[in-house]
Amino acid sequence: MQKLTLRVILAFLAVYLFWGGTYVAIKLGLESFPPMLLAGTRHFTAGIFMLSVALFRKDAFPKAKEMMFSALIGLMMLLIGNGLVTLTEQTVPSSIVSLLIGAVPLWIIILNWSFGDKKRPTIYHLLGVTLGLIGIAFLVFQSQQDGITHFDPLGIFLILVAAISWAAGSLVSRYAPIPKSPYMNLSFQMLSGGFALFIASFIRQEWVGFDVMKVTSNAWISLGYLIFFGSILGYSAYIWLLRNVNPTWVSTYAFVNPVVAVFLGWLLAKESLSINALIAAAIIIISIVFMTFPFKKKAYSLK
């Protein structure tokens, strides 16, 4: 069992709180920015910052193989993971998107069992994932007023691809030979993912009709939040945790972020906080206990 040092606790808080806040920031940013351009600007700018820090510190330049793996992680997590979700939210109900992305912990457990440290997931891990998905279901469906009228089969498939790609990229980040300098590692991930998102934005012709002079102050503030708190702090903390903590623990962010977003909406935007949201929060807290508490695995490991 990993020790809950102050550094680990602060890293979890960064992933839980800062990424929870990105829901509101992205919503405000999309009022002025096209989706792929917003995401690309966020990650590419953060990548330049990380590279500048690495060069200032005179960190050793990584080997070609290490750069390749860092770039691959960036493509898997930032281009495919974030990019596909952004696209499919136009045709798939947000509740279904939340539920499918909420299954990332399950994919991490399965992939880690198959290709990572080969440790069998315990019944408590699977119970935790199940409770987490139930909690998200309470959370997302309580806000649905019009109901779900249709499913886009291609969109559902792309979301599954995005979730699996994010989970796989997370495990590659844990086990692959990456640059020893965390700043070099993160810079290559963010620069490759951000540049690929710019290409996707160009292919989708998002530049057509976009006027930078019409970007609102709220959108600029949101972009700043996404760059500093979402990428530089939040994403960096996530990648660090993957190298130092059980990936199953780290995957609990997928359950916590929607809860944080709901409470921030209540606290900052004066949105209503329903009883279902409180029930969901309680269920998700219980699910995290099952996924992280060191229950005895001897008698309960999956065979």
C-alpha atoms as a PDB file:
ATOM      1  CA  MET A   1       0.000   0.000   0.000  1.00  0.00           C
ATOM      2  CA  GLN A   2       1.314   3.445  -0.930  1.00  0.00           C
ATOM      3  CA  LYS A   3       1.746   5.959   1.889  1.00  0.00           C
ATOM      4  CA  LEU A   4      -0.528   8.982   1.840  1.00  0.00           C
ATOM      5  CA  THR A   5       2.246  11.567   2.000  1.00  0.00           C
ATOM      6  CA  LEU A   6       1.497  15.270   1.839  1.00  0.00           C
ATOM      7  CA  ARG A   7       2.669  15.334  -1.788  1.00  0.00           C
ATOM      8  CA  VAL A   8       0.278  12.520  -2.737  1.00  0.00           C
ATOM      9  CA  ILE A   9      -2.630  14.220  -0.961  1.00  0.00           C
ATOM     10  CA  LEU A  10      -1.943  17.565  -2.661  1.00  0.00           C
ATOM     11  CA  ALA A  11      -1.689  15.847  -6.054  1.00  0.00           C
ATOM     12  CA  PHE A  12      -5.065  14.146  -5.530  1.00  0.00           C
ATOM     13  CA  LEU A  13      -6.619  17.441  -4.466  1.00  0.00           C
ATOM     14  CA  ALA A  14      -5.283  19.068  -7.643  1.00  0.00           C
ATOM     15  CA  VAL A  15      -6.789  16.335  -9.829  1.00  0.00           C
ATOM     16  CA  TYR A  16     -10.079  16.233  -7.933  1.00  0.00           C
ATOM     17  CA  LEU A  17     -10.680  19.970  -7.524  1.00  0.00           C
ATOM     18  CA  PHE A  18      -8.966  21.585 -10.508  1.00  0.00           C
ATOM     19  CA  TRP A  19     -10.307  19.074 -13.029  1.00  0.00           C
ATOM     20  CA  GLY A  20     -13.752  19.352 -11.458  1.00  0.00           C
ATOM     21  CA  GLY A  21     -13.583  23.080 -12.143  1.00  0.00           C
ATOM     22  CA  THR A  22     -12.745  22.536 -15.813  1.00  0.00           C
ATOM     23  CA  TYR A  23     -16.387  21.599 -16.524  1.00  0.00           C
ATOM     24  CA  VAL A  24     -17.467  25.193 -15.916  1.00  0.00           C
ATOM     25  CA  ALA A  25     -14.335  26.628 -17.560  1.00  0.00           C
ATOM     26  CA  ILE A  26     -14.828  24.630 -20.765  1.00  0.00           C
ATOM     27  CA  LYS A  27     -18.492  25.618 -20.912  1.00  0.00           C
ATOM     28  CA  LEU A  28     -17.581  29.298 -20.674  1.00  0.00           C
ATOM     29  CA  GLY A  29     -14.682  28.950 -23.098  1.00  0.00           C
ATOM     30  CA  LEU A  30     -16.860  27.335 -25.760  1.00  0.00           C
ATOM     31  CA  GLU A  31     -19.004  30.458 -25.864  1.00  0.00           C
ATOM     32  CA  SER A  32     -16.206  32.083 -27.897  1.00  0.00           C
ATOM     33  CA  PHE A  33     -13.767  29.334 -28.951  1.00  0.00           C
ATOM     34  CA  PRO A  34     -14.408  26.347 -31.259  1.00  0.00           C
ATOM     35  CA  PRO A  35     -13.880  23.084 -29.310  1.00  0.00           C
ATOM     36  CA  MET A  36     -10.703  21.727 -30.922  1.00  0.00           C
ATOM     37  CA  LEU A  37      -9.117  25.171 -31.041  1.00  0.00           C
ATOM     38  CA  LEU A  38      -9.881  25.683 -27.348  1.00  0.00           C
ATOM     39  CA  ALA A  39      -8.391  22.322 -26.379  1.00  0.00           C
ATOM     40  CA  GLY A  40      -5.387  22.747 -28.670  1.00  0.00           C
ATOM     41  CA  THR A  41      -4.582  26.216 -27.361  1.00  0.00           C
ATOM     42  CA  ARG A  42      -4.900  24.976 -23.778  1.00  0.00           C
ATOM     43  CA  HIS A  43      -2.519  22.037 -24.092  1.00  0.00           C
ATOM     44  CA  PHE A  44      -0.036  23.573 -26.549  1.00  0.00           C
ATOM     45  CA  THR A  45       0.405  26.688 -24.402  1.00  0.00           C
ATOM     46  CA  ALA A  46       0.884  24.551 -21.287  1.00  0.00           C
ATOM     47  CA  GLY A  47       3.421  22.480 -23.227  1.00  0.00           C
ATOM     48  CA  ILE A  48       5.444  25.565 -24.147  1.00  0.00           C
ATOM     49  CA  PHE A  49       5.437  26.597 -20.480  1.00  0.00           C
ATOM     50  CA  MET A  50       6.643  23.162 -19.371  1.00  0.00           C
ATOM     51  CA  LEU A  51       9.383  23.113 -22.020  1.00  0.00           C
ATOM     52  CA  SER A  52      10.521  26.595 -20.952  1.00  0.00           C
ATOM     53  CA  VAL A  53      10.791  25.428 -17.333  1.00  0.00           C
ATOM     54  CA  ALA A  54      12.767  22.349 -18.430  1.00  0.00           C
ATOM     55  CA  LEU A  55      15.181  24.457 -20.476  1.00  0.00           C
ATOM     56  CA  PHE A  56      15.562  26.997 -17.659  1.00  0.00           C
ATOM     57  CA  ARG A  57      16.399  24.157 -15.270  1.00  0.00           C
ATOM     58  CA  LYS A  58      18.828  22.800 -17.889  1.00  0.00           C
ATOM     59  CA  ASP A  59      17.191  19.375 -17.695  1.00  0.00           C
ATOM     60  CA  ALA A  60      18.771  16.700 -19.872  1.00  0.00           C
ATOM     61  CA  PHE A  61      17.176  16.431 -23.297  1.00  0.00           C
ATOM     62  CA  PRO A  62      15.373  13.078 -23.586  1.00  0.00           C
ATOM     63  CA  LYS A  63      16.362  10.248 -25.882  1.00  0.00           C
ATOM     64  CA  ALA A  64      14.449   9.659 -29.113  1.00  0.00           C
ATOM     65  CA  LYS A  65      12.630   6.623 -27.655  1.00  0.00           C
ATOM     66  CA  GLU A  66      11.572   8.582 -24.584  1.00  0.00           C
ATOM     67  CA  MET A  67      10.297  11.474 -26.707  1.00  0.00           C
ATOM     68  CA  MET A  68       8.357   9.024 -28.864  1.00  0.00           C
ATOM     69  CA  PHE A  69       6.545   7.517 -25.882  1.00  0.00           C
ATOM     70  CA  SER A  70       5.766  10.946 -24.409  1.00  0.00           C
ATOM     71  CA  ALA A  71       4.329  12.070 -27.740  1.00  0.00           C
ATOM     72  CA  LEU A  72       2.317   8.837 -28.007  1.00  0.00           C
ATOM     73  CA  ILE A  73       0.829   9.410 -24.545  1.00  0.00           C
ATOM     74  CA  GLY A  74      -0.132  12.940 -25.564  1.00  0.00           C
ATOM     75  CA  LEU A  75      -1.912  11.668 -28.675  1.00  0.00           C
ATOM     76  CA  MET A  76      -3.730   8.900 -26.778  1.00  0.00           C
ATOM     77  CA  MET A  77      -4.909  11.049 -23.887  1.00  0.00           C
ATOM     78  CA  LEU A  78      -5.240  14.574 -25.266  1.00  0.00           C
ATOM     79  CA  LEU A  79      -6.104  14.097 -28.942  1.00  0.00           C
ATOM     80  CA  ILE A  80      -8.120  10.866 -28.853  1.00  0.00           C
ATOM     81  CA  GLY A  81      -9.289  11.015 -25.227  1.00  0.00           C
ATOM     82  CA  ASN A  82     -10.302  14.676 -24.975  1.00  0.00           C
ATOM     83  CA  GLY A  83     -10.799  15.319 -28.676  1.00  0.00           C
ATOM     84  CA  LEU A  84     -13.318  12.555 -29.397  1.00  0.00           C
ATOM     85  CA  VAL A  85     -15.369  13.396 -26.324  1.00  0.00           C
ATOM     86  CA  THR A  86     -15.578  17.017 -27.464  1.00  0.00           C
ATOM     87  CA  LEU A  87     -16.786  15.978 -30.911  1.00  0.00           C
ATOM     88  CA  THR A  88     -19.335  13.408 -29.777  1.00  0.00           C
ATOM     89  CA  GLU A  89     -21.004  15.693 -27.255  1.00  0.00           C
ATOM     90  CA  GLN A  90     -22.676  17.298 -30.269  1.00  0.00           C
ATOM     91  CA  THR A  91     -24.643  14.102 -31.047  1.00  0.00           C
ATOM     92  CA  VAL A  92     -24.697  12.085 -27.809  1.00  0.00           C
ATOM     93  CA  PRO A  93     -26.619  13.172 -24.668  1.00  0.00           C
ATOM     94  CA  SER A  94     -24.279  14.522 -22.025  1.00  0.00           C
ATOM     95  CA  SER A  95     -25.652  12.035 -19.487  1.00  0.00           C
ATOM     96  CA  ILE A  96     -24.539   9.097 -21.626  1.00  0.00           C
ATOM     97  CA  VAL A  97     -21.149  10.725 -22.224  1.00  0.00           C
ATOM     98  CA  SER A  98     -20.674  11.112 -18.469  1.00  0.00           C
ATOM     99  CA  LEU A  99     -21.604   7.499 -17.789  1.00  0.00           C
ATOM    100  CA  LEU A 100     -19.291   6.094 -20.472  1.00  0.00           C
ATOM    101  CA  ILE A 101     -16.356   8.296 -19.438  1.00  0.00           C
ATOM    102  CA  GLY A 102     -17.115   7.342 -15.833  1.00  0.00           C
ATOM    103  CA  ALA A 103     -16.177   3.785 -16.807  1.00  0.00           C
ATOM    104  CA  VAL A 104     -12.516   4.812 -17.231  1.00  0.00           C
ATOM    105  CA  PRO A 105     -11.640   3.257 -13.820  1.00  0.00           C
ATOM    106  CA  LEU A 106     -13.003  -0.085 -15.037  1.00  0.00           C
ATOM    107  CA  TRP A 107     -10.923   0.083 -18.224  1.00  0.00           C
ATOM    108  CA  ILE A 108      -7.813   0.967 -16.200  1.00  0.00           C
ATOM    109  CA  ILE A 109      -8.403  -2.023 -13.916  1.00  0.00           C
ATOM    110  CA  ILE A 110      -8.909  -4.379 -16.877  1.00  0.00           C
ATOM    111  CA  LEU A 111      -5.937  -3.077 -18.870  1.00  0.00           C
ATOM    112  CA  ASN A 112      -3.671  -3.027 -15.821  1.00  0.00           C
ATOM    113  CA  TRP A 113      -4.657  -6.632 -15.076  1.00  0.00           C
ATOM    114  CA  SER A 114      -3.946  -7.670 -18.675  1.00  0.00           C
ATOM    115  CA  PHE A 115      -0.903  -5.583 -19.599  1.00  0.00           C
ATOM    116  CA  GLY A 116       0.296  -3.702 -16.510  1.00  0.00           C
ATOM    117  CA  ASP A 117       1.361  -5.169 -13.179  1.00  0.00           C
ATOM    118  CA  LYS A 118      -0.874  -8.237 -13.785  1.00  0.00           C
ATOM    119  CA  LYS A 119      -2.514  -7.888 -10.371  1.00  0.00           C
ATOM    120  CA  ARG A 120      -6.006  -9.333 -10.268  1.00  0.00           C
ATOM    121  CA  PRO A 121      -8.707  -6.813  -9.370  1.00  0.00           C
ATOM    122  CA  THR A 122     -10.482  -7.632  -6.138  1.00  0.00           C
ATOM    123  CA  ILE A 123     -14.222  -7.887  -5.690  1.00  0.00           C
ATOM    124  CA  TYR A 124     -13.961  -4.620  -3.749  1.00  0.00           C
ATOM    125  CA  HIS A 125     -12.455  -2.843  -6.769  1.00  0.00           C
ATOM    126  CA  LEU A 126     -15.315  -3.978  -9.008  1.00  0.00           C
ATOM    127  CA  LEU A 127     -17.887  -3.125  -6.346  1.00  0.00           C
ATOM    128  CA  GLY A 128     -16.326   0.330  -6.092  1.00  0.00           C
ATOM    129  CA  VAL A 129     -16.537   0.854  -9.864  1.00  0.00           C
ATOM    130  CA  THR A 130     -20.165  -0.307  -9.884  1.00  0.00           C
ATOM    131  CA  LEU A 131     -21.107   2.057  -7.054  1.00  0.00           C
ATOM    132  CA  GLY A 132     -19.227   4.885  -8.773  1.00  0.00           C
ATOM    133  CA  LEU A 133     -21.202   4.403 -11.996  1.00  0.00           C
ATOM    134  CA  ILE A 134     -24.453   4.288 -10.018  1.00  0.00           C
ATOM    135  CA  GLY A 135     -23.453   7.537  -8.309  1.00  0.00           C
ATOM    136  CA  ILE A 136     -22.734   9.220 -11.641  1.00  0.00           C
ATOM    137  CA  ALA A 137     -26.094   7.934 -12.948  1.00  0.00           C
ATOM    138  CA  PHE A 138     -27.860   9.671 -10.056  1.00  0.00           C
ATOM    139  CA  LEU A 139     -25.850  12.794 -10.726  1.00  0.00           C
ATOM    140  CA  VAL A 140     -26.335  13.122 -14.479  1.00  0.00           C
ATOM    141  CA  PHE A 141     -29.922  11.942 -14.846  1.00  0.00           C
ATOM    142  CA  GLN A 142     -31.279  14.170 -12.085  1.00  0.00           C
ATOM    143  CA  SER A 143     -30.601  17.165 -14.341  1.00  0.00           C
ATOM    144  CA  GLN A 144     -32.240  15.646 -17.433  1.00  0.00           C
ATOM    145  CA  GLN A 145     -35.580  17.298 -18.103  1.00  0.00           C
ATOM    146  CA  ASP A 146     -36.206  16.490 -21.743  1.00  0.00           C
ATOM    147  CA  GLY A 147     -35.107  12.867 -21.464  1.00  0.00           C
ATOM    148  CA  ILE A 148     -32.970  10.914 -23.890  1.00  0.00           C
ATOM    149  CA  THR A 149     -34.628  10.706 -27.268  1.00  0.00           C
ATOM    150  CA  HIS A 150     -32.010   8.990 -29.407  1.00  0.00           C
ATOM    151  CA  PHE A 151     -28.619   7.399 -29.503  1.00  0.00           C
ATOM    152  CA  ASP A 152     -25.941   8.009 -32.089  1.00  0.00           C
ATOM    153  CA  PRO A 153     -24.270   4.592 -32.571  1.00  0.00           C
ATOM    154  CA  LEU A 154     -21.101   6.112 -34.059  1.00  0.00           C
ATOM    155  CA  GLY A 155     -20.917   8.655 -31.248  1.00  0.00           C
ATOM    156  CA  ILE A 156     -21.289   5.937 -28.603  1.00  0.00           C
ATOM    157  CA  PHE A 157     -18.499   3.959 -30.286  1.00  0.00           C
ATOM    158  CA  LEU A 158     -16.200   6.998 -30.406  1.00  0.00           C
ATOM    159  CA  ILE A 159     -16.770   7.728 -26.702  1.00  0.00           C
ATOM    160  CA  LEU A 160     -15.818   4.146 -25.873  1.00  0.00           C
ATOM    161  CA  VAL A 161     -12.684   4.583 -27.989  1.00  0.00           C
ATOM    162  CA  ALA A 162     -11.916   7.820 -26.132  1.00  0.00           C
ATOM    163  CA  ALA A 163     -12.350   6.189 -22.698  1.00  0.00           C
ATOM    164  CA  ILE A 164     -10.207   3.170 -23.608  1.00  0.00           C
ATOM    165  CA  SER A 165      -7.550   5.390 -25.194  1.00  0.00           C
ATOM    166  CA  TRP A 166      -7.380   7.578 -22.065  1.00  0.00           C
ATOM    167  CA  ALA A 167      -7.098   4.515 -19.830  1.00  0.00           C
ATOM    168  CA  ALA A 168      -4.453   2.930 -22.071  1.00  0.00           C
ATOM    169  CA  GLY A 169      -2.501   6.188 -22.279  1.00  0.00           C
ATOM    170  CA  SER A 170      -2.611   6.448 -18.493  1.00  0.00           C
ATOM    171  CA  LEU A 171      -1.023   3.007 -18.139  1.00  0.00           C
ATOM    172  CA  VAL A 172       1.557   3.702 -20.872  1.00  0.00           C
ATOM    173  CA  SER A 173       2.504   6.793 -18.882  1.00  0.00           C
ATOM    174  CA  ARG A 174       3.033   4.586 -15.819  1.00  0.00           C
ATOM    175  CA  TYR A 175       5.121   1.814 -17.374  1.00  0.00           C
ATOM    176  CA  ALA A 176       6.760   3.175 -20.556  1.00  0.00           C
ATOM    177  CA  PRO A 177      10.325   4.557 -20.733  1.00  0.00           C
ATOM    178  CA  ILE A 178       9.627   8.293 -20.591  1.00  0.00           C
ATOM    179  CA  PRO A 179      11.977  11.262 -20.010  1.00  0.00           C
ATOM    180  CA  LYS A 180      13.415  11.376 -16.499  1.00  0.00           C
ATOM    181  CA  SER A 181      12.654  15.080 -16.326  1.00  0.00           C
ATOM    182  CA  PRO A 182       8.920  15.470 -15.560  1.00  0.00           C
ATOM    183  CA  TYR A 183       8.957  18.841 -17.303  1.00  0.00           C
ATOM    184  CA  MET A 184      10.399  17.358 -20.499  1.00  0.00           C
ATOM    185  CA  ASN A 185       7.930  14.483 -20.312  1.00  0.00           C
ATOM    186  CA  LEU A 186       4.893  16.718 -19.857  1.00  0.00           C
ATOM    187  CA  SER A 187       6.047  19.216 -22.462  1.00  0.00           C
ATOM    188  CA  PHE A 188       6.288  16.558 -25.176  1.00  0.00           C
ATOM    189  CA  GLN A 189       2.902  15.115 -24.188  1.00  0.00           C
ATOM    190  CA  MET A 190       1.198  18.498 -24.271  1.00  0.00           C
ATOM    191  CA  LEU A 191       2.948  19.793 -27.379  1.00  0.00           C
ATOM    192  CA  SER A 192       2.164  16.646 -29.394  1.00  0.00           C
ATOM    193  CA  GLY A 193      -1.445  16.513 -28.187  1.00  0.00           C
ATOM    194  CA  GLY A 194      -1.951  20.244 -28.643  1.00  0.00           C
ATOM    195  CA  PHE A 195      -0.426  20.283 -32.129  1.00  0.00           C
ATOM    196  CA  ALA A 196      -2.582  17.313 -33.171  1.00  0.00           C
ATOM    197  CA  LEU A 197      -5.669  19.128 -31.861  1.00  0.00           C
ATOM    198  CA  PHE A 198      -4.694  22.172 -33.957  1.00  0.00           C
ATOM    199  CA  ILE A 199      -4.537  19.910 -37.017  1.00  0.00           C
ATOM    200  CA  ALA A 200      -7.965  18.507 -36.152  1.00  0.00           C
ATOM    201  CA  SER A 201      -9.267  22.062 -35.761  1.00  0.00           C
ATOM    202  CA  PHE A 202      -7.863  22.951 -39.204  1.00  0.00           C
ATOM    203  CA  ILE A 203      -9.430  19.865 -40.807  1.00  0.00           C
ATOM    204  CA  ARG A 204     -12.786  20.770 -39.270  1.00  0.00           C
ATOM    205  CA  GLN A 205     -12.316  24.359 -40.545  1.00  0.00           C
ATOM    206  CA  GLU A 206     -12.894  25.831 -37.121  1.00  0.00           C
ATOM    207  CA  TRP A 207     -10.815  28.857 -38.052  1.00  0.00           C
ATOM    208  CA  VAL A 208     -13.494  29.918 -40.540  1.00  0.00           C
ATOM    209  CA  GLY A 209     -15.659  32.523 -38.884  1.00  0.00           C
ATOM    210  CA  PHE A 210     -13.552  32.669 -35.722  1.00  0.00           C
ATOM    211  CA  ASP A 211     -12.669  36.218 -34.689  1.00  0.00           C
ATOM    212  CA  VAL A 212     -10.195  36.550 -31.849  1.00  0.00           C
ATOM    213  CA  MET A 213     -11.372  40.138 -31.268  1.00  0.00           C
ATOM    214  CA  LYS A 214     -14.823  38.822 -30.344  1.00  0.00           C
ATOM    215  CA  VAL A 215     -13.578  36.499 -27.605  1.00  0.00           C
ATOM    216  CA  THR A 216     -15.212  37.546 -24.344  1.00  0.00           C
ATOM    217  CA  SER A 217     -13.332  38.293 -21.139  1.00  0.00           C
ATOM    218  CA  ASN A 218     -14.988  35.284 -19.487  1.00  0.00           C
ATOM    219  CA  ALA A 219     -13.675  33.041 -22.273  1.00  0.00           C
ATOM    220  CA  TRP A 220     -10.136  34.379 -21.849  1.00  0.00           C
ATOM    221  CA  ILE A 221     -10.313  33.844 -18.080  1.00  0.00           C
ATOM    222  CA  SER A 222     -11.631  30.323 -18.695  1.00  0.00           C
ATOM    223  CA  LEU A 223      -8.786  29.583 -21.096  1.00  0.00           C
ATOM    224  CA  GLY A 224      -6.309  30.832 -18.504  1.00  0.00           C
ATOM    225  CA  TYR A 225      -7.858  28.540 -15.897  1.00  0.00           C
ATOM    226  CA  LEU A 226      -7.705  25.562 -18.274  1.00  0.00           C
ATOM    227  CA  ILE A 227      -4.051  26.221 -19.084  1.00  0.00           C
ATOM    228  CA  PHE A 228      -2.783  26.819 -15.548  1.00  0.00           C
ATOM    229  CA  PHE A 229      -5.101  24.827 -13.278  1.00  0.00           C
ATOM    230  CA  GLY A 230      -6.402  22.251 -15.754  1.00  0.00           C
ATOM    231  CA  SER A 231      -3.168  21.376 -17.596  1.00  0.00           C
ATOM    232  CA  ILE A 232      -0.083  22.717 -15.805  1.00  0.00           C
ATOM    233  CA  LEU A 233      -1.277  21.737 -12.308  1.00  0.00           C
ATOM    234  CA  GLY A 234      -4.086  19.201 -12.784  1.00  0.00           C
ATOM    235  CA  TYR A 235      -2.702  17.167 -15.692  1.00  0.00           C
ATOM    236  CA  SER A 236       0.813  17.290 -14.242  1.00  0.00           C
ATOM    237  CA  ALA A 237      -0.472  15.979 -10.902  1.00  0.00           C
ATOM    238  CA  TYR A 238      -2.362  13.193 -12.699  1.00  0.00           C
ATOM    239  CA  ILE A 239       0.708  12.028 -14.650  1.00  0.00           C
ATOM    240  CA  TRP A 240       2.846  12.166 -11.487  1.00  0.00           C
ATOM    241  CA  LEU A 241       0.310  10.113  -9.536  1.00  0.00           C
ATOM    242  CA  LEU A 242       0.255   7.463 -12.266  1.00  0.00           C
ATOM    243  CA  ARG A 243       3.997   6.929 -11.752  1.00  0.00           C
ATOM    244  CA  ASN A 244       3.831   6.852  -7.967  1.00  0.00           C
ATOM    245  CA  VAL A 245       0.427   5.537  -6.875  1.00  0.00           C
ATOM    246  CA  ASN A 246      -1.766   2.563  -7.748  1.00  0.00           C
ATOM    247  CA  PRO A 247      -3.503   3.528 -11.028  1.00  0.00           C
ATOM    248  CA  THR A 248      -6.823   2.262  -9.656  1.00  0.00           C
ATOM    249  CA  TRP A 249      -6.619   4.951  -6.978  1.00  0.00           C
ATOM    250  CA  VAL A 250      -5.840   7.631  -9.543  1.00  0.00           C
ATOM    251  CA  SER A 251      -8.776   6.577 -11.739  1.00  0.00           C
ATOM    252  CA  THR A 252     -11.232   7.641  -9.015  1.00  0.00           C
ATOM    253  CA  TYR A 253     -11.007  11.187 -10.430  1.00  0.00           C
ATOM    254  CA  ALA A 254     -13.599  10.099 -13.026  1.00  0.00           C
ATOM    255  CA  PHE A 255     -16.145   9.744 -10.217  1.00  0.00           C
ATOM    256  CA  VAL A 256     -15.141  12.773  -8.158  1.00  0.00           C
ATOM    257  CA  ASN A 257     -14.912  15.420 -10.911  1.00  0.00           C
ATOM    258  CA  PRO A 258     -18.666  15.467 -11.734  1.00  0.00           C
ATOM    259  CA  VAL A 259     -19.463  15.805  -8.017  1.00  0.00           C
ATOM    260  CA  VAL A 260     -17.025  18.702  -7.671  1.00  0.00           C
ATOM    261  CA  ALA A 261     -18.554  20.335 -10.753  1.00  0.00           C
ATOM    262  CA  VAL A 262     -22.060  20.103  -9.257  1.00  0.00           C
ATOM    263  CA  PHE A 263     -20.984  21.584  -5.921  1.00  0.00           C
ATOM    264  CA  LEU A 264     -19.003  24.363  -7.635  1.00  0.00           C
ATOM    265  CA  GLY A 265     -22.071  25.164  -9.699  1.00  0.00           C
ATOM    266  CA  TRP A 266     -24.081  25.417  -6.478  1.00  0.00           C
ATOM    267  CA  LEU A 267     -21.420  27.468  -4.715  1.00  0.00           C
ATOM    268  CA  LEU A 268     -20.382  29.831  -7.515  1.00  0.00           C
ATOM    269  CA  ALA A 269     -23.216  29.853 -10.052  1.00  0.00           C
ATOM    270  CA  LYS A 270     -26.137  29.572  -7.584  1.00  0.00           C
ATOM    271  CA  GLU A 271     -27.355  26.365  -9.251  1.00  0.00           C
ATOM    272  CA  SER A 272     -29.787  24.187  -7.314  1.00  0.00           C
ATOM    273  CA  LEU A 273     -28.403  21.273  -5.299  1.00  0.00           C
ATOM    274  CA  SER A 274     -30.946  18.434  -5.357  1.00  0.00           C
ATOM    275  CA  ILE A 275     -31.278  15.545  -2.941  1.00  0.00           C
ATOM    276  CA  ASN A 276     -30.202  13.220  -5.771  1.00  0.00           C
ATOM    277  CA  ALA A 277     -26.911  15.100  -6.059  1.00  0.00           C
ATOM    278  CA  LEU A 278     -26.275  14.626  -2.346  1.00  0.00           C
ATOM    279  CA  ILE A 279     -27.154  10.928  -2.588  1.00  0.00           C
ATOM    280  CA  ALA A 280     -24.821  10.620  -5.575  1.00  0.00           C
ATOM    281  CA  ALA A 281     -21.987  12.264  -3.648  1.00  0.00           C
ATOM    282  CA  ALA A 282     -22.459   9.836  -0.755  1.00  0.00           C
ATOM    283  CA  ILE A 283     -22.498   6.805  -3.077  1.00  0.00           C
ATOM    284  CA  ILE A 284     -19.353   7.988  -4.862  1.00  0.00           C
ATOM    285  CA  ILE A 285     -17.513   8.537  -1.582  1.00  0.00           C
ATOM    286  CA  ILE A 286     -18.405   4.965  -0.589  1.00  0.00           C
ATOM    287  CA  SER A 287     -17.208   3.697  -3.994  1.00  0.00           C
ATOM    288  CA  ILE A 288     -13.826   5.378  -3.521  1.00  0.00           C
ATOM    289  CA  VAL A 289     -13.471   3.726  -0.117  1.00  0.00           C
ATOM    290  CA  PHE A 290     -13.989   0.324  -1.748  1.00  0.00           C
ATOM    291  CA  MET A 291     -11.453   1.123  -4.494  1.00  0.00           C
ATOM    292  CA  THR A 292      -8.713   2.496  -2.256  1.00  0.00           C
ATOM    293  CA  PHE A 293      -9.061   1.040   1.233  1.00  0.00           C
ATOM    294  CA  PRO A 294      -6.608  -1.825   1.854  1.00  0.00           C
ATOM    295  CA  PHE A 295      -9.129  -4.618   2.335  1.00  0.00           C
ATOM    296  CA  LYS A 296      -7.606  -8.082   2.622  1.00  0.00           C
ATOM    297  CA  LYS A 297      -7.313  -9.402  -0.912  1.00  0.00           C
ATOM    298  CA  LYS A 298      -6.406 -13.019  -0.143  1.00  0.00           C
ATOM    299  CA  ALA A 299      -9.898 -14.377   0.008  1.00  0.00           C
ATOM    300  CA  TYR A 300     -11.553 -11.968  -2.351  1.00  0.00           C
ATOM    301  CA  SER A 301      -9.289 -11.688  -5.412  1.00  0.00           C
ATOM    302  CA  LEU A 302     -10.884 -12.638  -8.698  1.00  0.00           C
ATOM    303  CA  LYS A 303      -9.797 -16.040  -9.947  1.00  0.00           C
END
